[in-house]
Amino acid sequence: MEVLKNLEKSESVLNKTLTSNKSLSQKLQSEKSRIRKLINDLKNKEVTEKTIIVYQKSANEVDSRIQLLNDEINDYRRKIDSTKTALSVEKTKTDTLTKANKKLTTKLNTAAKLYYYDLQTASLKIKSSGKNIETDKAKRVDLFKISFMIAENELAKPAKKDIYIQIIDNKNNVLGVKKTEKFGKDILTYSAFATVKYQSKTLKVEQDIPVADLEEGTYFVNVFDKSKLVLKTSFILE
């Protein structure tokens, strides 16, 4: 029967139609129920020429509603696709801005780093008059004067800096106060410690380190900003 075939075809189309929209999904279910009822009626009732005309009319109405429903579903899908495209464009913009911000932050952090330079060491003999004279004779040295510069940087925030100075002789002995400081799992043995106030301007740091009974050889000087080695040098005493 042609009417029955058309209804079963329409039912098959609806069974394959999917939508995430709740309202449209309810309309689909309603049309499926109507078609199933018409199919059952045709199969279970006595069919006459008059009833065929009635069912054909109902089938035509079903097809019209299905077409309207399909148009509504397609419009909904187009809107979803448009929204997805817009979201994709916005995500791309956001990702681009995020990457740009990360690069800018990295550049700013790099630019804000402090530059330490001009590490100087002086080996001094303190005379009874109180005057200090420079000497390279190990037995005569009783004071090391260490100095260095921290460069001006307007991007660096003013801060207190914990400076550790380490002087090591050629036997790997740490001179001076020989105290230790722990930084996580690392331990630093240092000769002198100083806290300086950096105000984004060029700053000269000086530190006196008393010593005694030195021997000839090479001496190594390391300067740390907390646990970070920022300067190093060496010198020889005869």
Protein backbone atom coordinates (compact mmCIF):
# COMPACT_ATOMS: atom_id res chain seq x y z
CA MET A 1 0.00 0.00 0.00
CA GLU A 2 1.52 3.31 -1.11
CA VAL A 3 0.30 5.30 1.92
CA LEU A 4 1.83 2.77 4.33
CA LYS A 5 5.15 2.79 2.46
CA ASN A 6 5.29 6.60 2.60
CA LEU A 7 4.53 6.62 6.33
CA GLU A 8 7.22 4.00 7.03
CA LYS A 9 9.66 6.02 4.93
CA SER A 10 8.82 9.16 6.92
CA GLU A 11 9.29 7.24 10.17
CA SER A 12 12.71 6.03 9.00
CA VAL A 13 13.74 9.62 8.20
CA LEU A 14 12.69 10.81 11.67
CA ASN A 15 14.56 7.92 13.35
CA LYS A 16 17.76 9.12 11.67
CA THR A 17 17.19 12.76 12.60
CA LEU A 18 19.06 13.89 15.71
CA THR A 19 19.20 17.20 17.55
CA SER A 20 20.65 18.38 20.86
CA ASN A 21 17.91 20.99 21.21
CA LYS A 22 15.41 19.82 23.82
CA SER A 23 12.39 21.54 22.28
CA LEU A 24 13.13 20.20 18.77
CA SER A 25 13.78 16.75 20.19
CA GLN A 26 10.33 16.76 21.80
CA LYS A 27 8.74 17.76 18.48
CA LEU A 28 10.57 14.90 16.75
CA GLN A 29 9.31 12.44 19.32
CA SER A 30 5.77 13.73 18.91
CA GLU A 31 5.88 13.27 15.12
CA LYS A 32 7.31 9.75 15.54
CA SER A 33 4.40 8.87 17.82
CA ARG A 34 1.86 10.23 15.31
CA ILE A 35 3.39 8.29 12.42
CA ARG A 36 3.60 5.08 14.44
CA LYS A 37 -0.10 5.41 15.36
CA LEU A 38 -1.07 5.93 11.68
CA ILE A 39 1.02 2.91 10.64
CA ASN A 40 -0.56 0.72 13.33
CA ASP A 41 -4.05 1.90 12.37
CA LEU A 42 -3.44 1.09 8.71
CA LYS A 43 -2.13 -2.37 9.58
CA ASN A 44 -4.86 -3.23 12.08
CA LYS A 45 -8.01 -1.63 10.61
CA GLU A 46 -10.05 -2.54 7.57
CA VAL A 47 -8.91 -0.28 4.76
CA THR A 48 -11.41 1.17 2.34
CA GLU A 49 -11.13 3.69 -0.41
CA LYS A 50 -12.55 6.31 1.94
CA THR A 51 -10.13 5.54 4.77
CA ILE A 52 -7.20 5.58 2.32
CA ILE A 53 -8.12 9.16 1.37
CA VAL A 54 -8.22 10.11 5.08
CA TYR A 55 -4.87 8.43 5.83
CA GLN A 56 -3.31 9.92 2.72
CA LYS A 57 -4.32 13.37 3.94
CA SER A 58 -2.84 12.61 7.36
CA ALA A 59 0.34 11.35 5.72
CA ASN A 60 0.63 14.53 3.65
CA GLU A 61 0.18 16.62 6.79
CA VAL A 62 2.89 14.57 8.50
CA ASP A 63 5.25 15.16 5.56
CA SER A 64 4.58 18.90 5.72
CA ARG A 65 5.30 19.00 9.46
CA ILE A 66 8.45 16.92 8.95
CA GLN A 67 9.66 19.37 6.31
CA LEU A 68 9.02 22.31 8.62
CA LEU A 69 10.73 20.45 11.45
CA ASN A 70 13.75 19.68 9.27
CA ASP A 71 13.97 23.35 8.27
CA GLU A 72 13.88 24.30 11.96
CA ILE A 73 16.56 21.71 12.83
CA ASN A 74 18.81 22.87 9.96
CA ASP A 75 18.42 26.48 11.08
CA TYR A 76 19.38 25.42 14.61
CA ARG A 77 22.44 23.59 13.28
CA ARG A 78 23.50 26.64 11.27
CA LYS A 79 23.27 28.77 14.40
CA ILE A 80 25.34 26.24 16.34
CA ASP A 81 27.96 26.14 13.56
CA SER A 82 28.04 29.95 13.52
CA THR A 83 28.45 30.02 17.30
CA LYS A 84 31.23 27.41 17.13
CA THR A 85 33.01 29.44 14.46
CA ALA A 86 32.70 32.62 16.53
CA LEU A 87 33.96 30.81 19.63
CA SER A 88 36.85 29.36 17.65
CA VAL A 89 37.80 32.84 16.43
CA GLU A 90 37.59 34.22 19.97
CA LYS A 91 39.64 31.29 21.31
CA THR A 92 42.30 31.97 18.68
CA LYS A 93 42.34 35.64 19.70
CA THR A 94 42.53 34.69 23.38
CA ASP A 95 45.34 32.20 22.75
CA THR A 96 47.23 34.82 20.76
CA LEU A 97 46.81 37.39 23.54
CA THR A 98 47.84 34.84 26.17
CA LYS A 99 51.01 34.00 24.24
CA ALA A 100 51.73 37.71 23.73
CA ASN A 101 51.23 38.37 27.46
CA LYS A 102 53.54 35.50 28.37
CA LYS A 103 56.22 36.83 26.03
CA LEU A 104 55.78 40.34 27.44
CA THR A 105 55.92 39.04 31.01
CA THR A 106 59.10 37.09 30.19
CA LYS A 107 60.65 40.19 28.61
CA LEU A 108 59.69 42.35 31.60
CA ASN A 109 61.03 39.79 34.07
CA THR A 110 64.25 39.56 32.11
CA ALA A 111 64.50 43.35 31.89
CA ALA A 112 63.85 43.64 35.64
CA LYS A 113 66.75 41.37 36.59
CA LEU A 114 69.61 42.97 38.45
CA TYR A 115 73.06 43.28 36.93
CA TYR A 116 76.05 42.83 39.26
CA TYR A 117 79.46 44.03 38.08
CA ASP A 118 82.91 45.42 38.90
CA LEU A 119 83.89 42.94 41.61
CA GLN A 120 87.03 44.29 43.32
CA THR A 121 89.22 42.70 46.01
CA ALA A 122 91.88 44.39 48.13
CA SER A 123 94.30 42.61 50.47
CA LEU A 124 95.15 44.96 53.35
CA LYS A 125 97.50 45.24 56.30
CA ILE A 126 96.13 47.24 59.23
CA LYS A 127 98.92 49.33 60.77
CA SER A 128 99.03 50.35 64.41
CA SER A 129 98.11 53.86 63.31
CA GLY A 130 94.85 52.47 62.00
CA LYS A 131 95.80 53.15 58.41
CA ASN A 132 95.27 50.32 55.89
CA ILE A 133 97.93 49.59 53.32
CA GLU A 134 97.51 47.21 50.39
CA THR A 135 99.82 44.18 50.16
CA ASP A 136 100.11 40.95 48.20
CA LYS A 137 102.16 39.24 50.92
CA ALA A 138 100.04 36.50 52.47
CA LYS A 139 101.65 36.69 55.93
CA ARG A 140 101.00 40.42 56.17
CA VAL A 141 97.30 40.36 55.17
CA ASP A 142 94.76 40.71 57.98
CA LEU A 143 91.82 42.21 56.08
CA PHE A 144 90.10 41.63 52.74
CA LYS A 145 88.00 44.48 51.39
CA ILE A 146 85.44 43.28 48.85
CA SER A 147 83.35 45.64 46.74
CA PHE A 148 81.05 45.41 43.73
CA MET A 149 78.26 47.33 41.99
CA ILE A 150 74.57 46.66 41.42
CA ALA A 151 73.42 48.48 38.30
CA GLU A 152 70.56 50.95 38.11
CA ASN A 153 67.34 49.41 36.77
CA GLU A 154 64.07 51.35 36.83
CA LEU A 155 62.12 48.17 36.08
CA ALA A 156 63.49 46.40 39.16
CA LYS A 157 61.45 46.88 42.31
CA PRO A 158 63.19 48.31 45.40
CA ALA A 159 64.06 45.45 47.73
CA LYS A 160 66.34 44.24 50.47
CA LYS A 161 69.05 41.97 49.10
CA ASP A 162 70.74 39.27 51.16
CA ILE A 163 74.35 39.16 50.01
CA TYR A 164 76.69 36.31 50.91
CA ILE A 165 80.43 36.58 50.19
CA GLN A 166 82.57 33.49 50.11
CA ILE A 167 86.40 33.51 50.07
CA ILE A 168 88.12 30.15 49.59
CA ASP A 169 91.86 29.44 49.82
CA ASN A 170 93.78 26.97 47.68
CA LYS A 171 93.07 24.20 50.21
CA ASN A 172 89.33 24.73 49.78
CA ASN A 173 88.95 26.32 53.23
CA VAL A 174 86.31 29.03 53.62
CA LEU A 175 87.75 32.07 55.40
CA GLY A 176 86.05 34.70 57.54
CA VAL A 177 83.11 33.90 59.83
CA LYS A 178 82.68 30.51 58.13
CA LYS A 179 78.95 30.27 58.85
CA THR A 180 76.39 28.29 56.90
CA GLU A 181 73.00 29.09 55.38
CA LYS A 182 70.51 26.54 54.08
CA PHE A 183 68.59 27.10 50.83
CA GLY A 184 66.28 24.14 50.39
CA LYS A 185 68.58 21.14 50.00
CA ASP A 186 71.64 23.32 49.34
CA ILE A 187 73.96 24.56 52.07
CA LEU A 188 76.18 27.61 51.57
CA THR A 189 79.23 28.21 53.75
CA TYR A 190 80.13 31.89 53.63
CA SER A 191 82.78 34.33 54.81
CA ALA A 192 80.58 37.38 55.32
CA PHE A 193 76.93 38.40 55.09
CA ALA A 194 75.29 41.74 54.42
CA THR A 195 71.76 43.00 53.81
CA VAL A 196 71.60 45.95 51.44
CA LYS A 197 68.69 48.14 50.37
CA TYR A 198 68.40 48.37 46.61
CA GLN A 199 66.33 51.38 45.47
CA SER A 200 66.46 50.83 41.68
CA LYS A 201 69.53 53.09 41.55
CA THR A 202 73.19 52.18 41.12
CA LEU A 203 74.44 50.81 44.42
CA LYS A 204 77.98 50.11 45.61
CA VAL A 205 78.33 47.26 48.11
CA GLU A 206 81.43 47.03 50.29
CA GLN A 207 82.36 44.43 52.87
CA ASP A 208 85.40 44.04 55.14
CA ILE A 209 86.44 40.48 56.02
CA PRO A 210 89.09 40.08 58.76
CA VAL A 211 91.54 37.19 58.21
CA ALA A 212 94.74 35.85 59.75
CA ASP A 213 97.59 33.39 59.17
CA LEU A 214 97.17 33.24 55.41
CA GLU A 215 99.40 31.18 53.16
CA GLU A 216 100.72 31.78 49.69
CA GLY A 217 98.47 30.71 46.85
CA THR A 218 95.34 31.48 44.86
CA TYR A 219 92.22 32.76 46.59
CA PHE A 220 88.72 32.57 45.12
CA VAL A 221 85.95 35.08 45.77
CA ASN A 222 82.26 34.26 45.12
CA VAL A 223 79.34 36.64 45.63
CA PHE A 224 75.83 35.25 46.09
CA ASP A 225 72.42 36.93 46.00
CA LYS A 226 70.87 34.44 48.43
CA SER A 227 71.76 31.11 46.80
CA LYS A 228 72.40 32.53 43.32
CA LEU A 229 76.02 33.06 42.31
CA VAL A 230 76.21 36.53 40.73
CA LEU A 231 79.94 37.35 40.69
CA LYS A 232 83.26 35.57 41.04
CA THR A 233 86.96 36.30 40.74
CA SER A 234 90.32 35.12 42.03
CA PHE A 235 93.66 36.64 43.11
CA ILE A 236 97.09 35.46 44.18
CA LEU A 237 99.00 36.15 47.39
CA GLU A 238 102.74 35.53 47.61
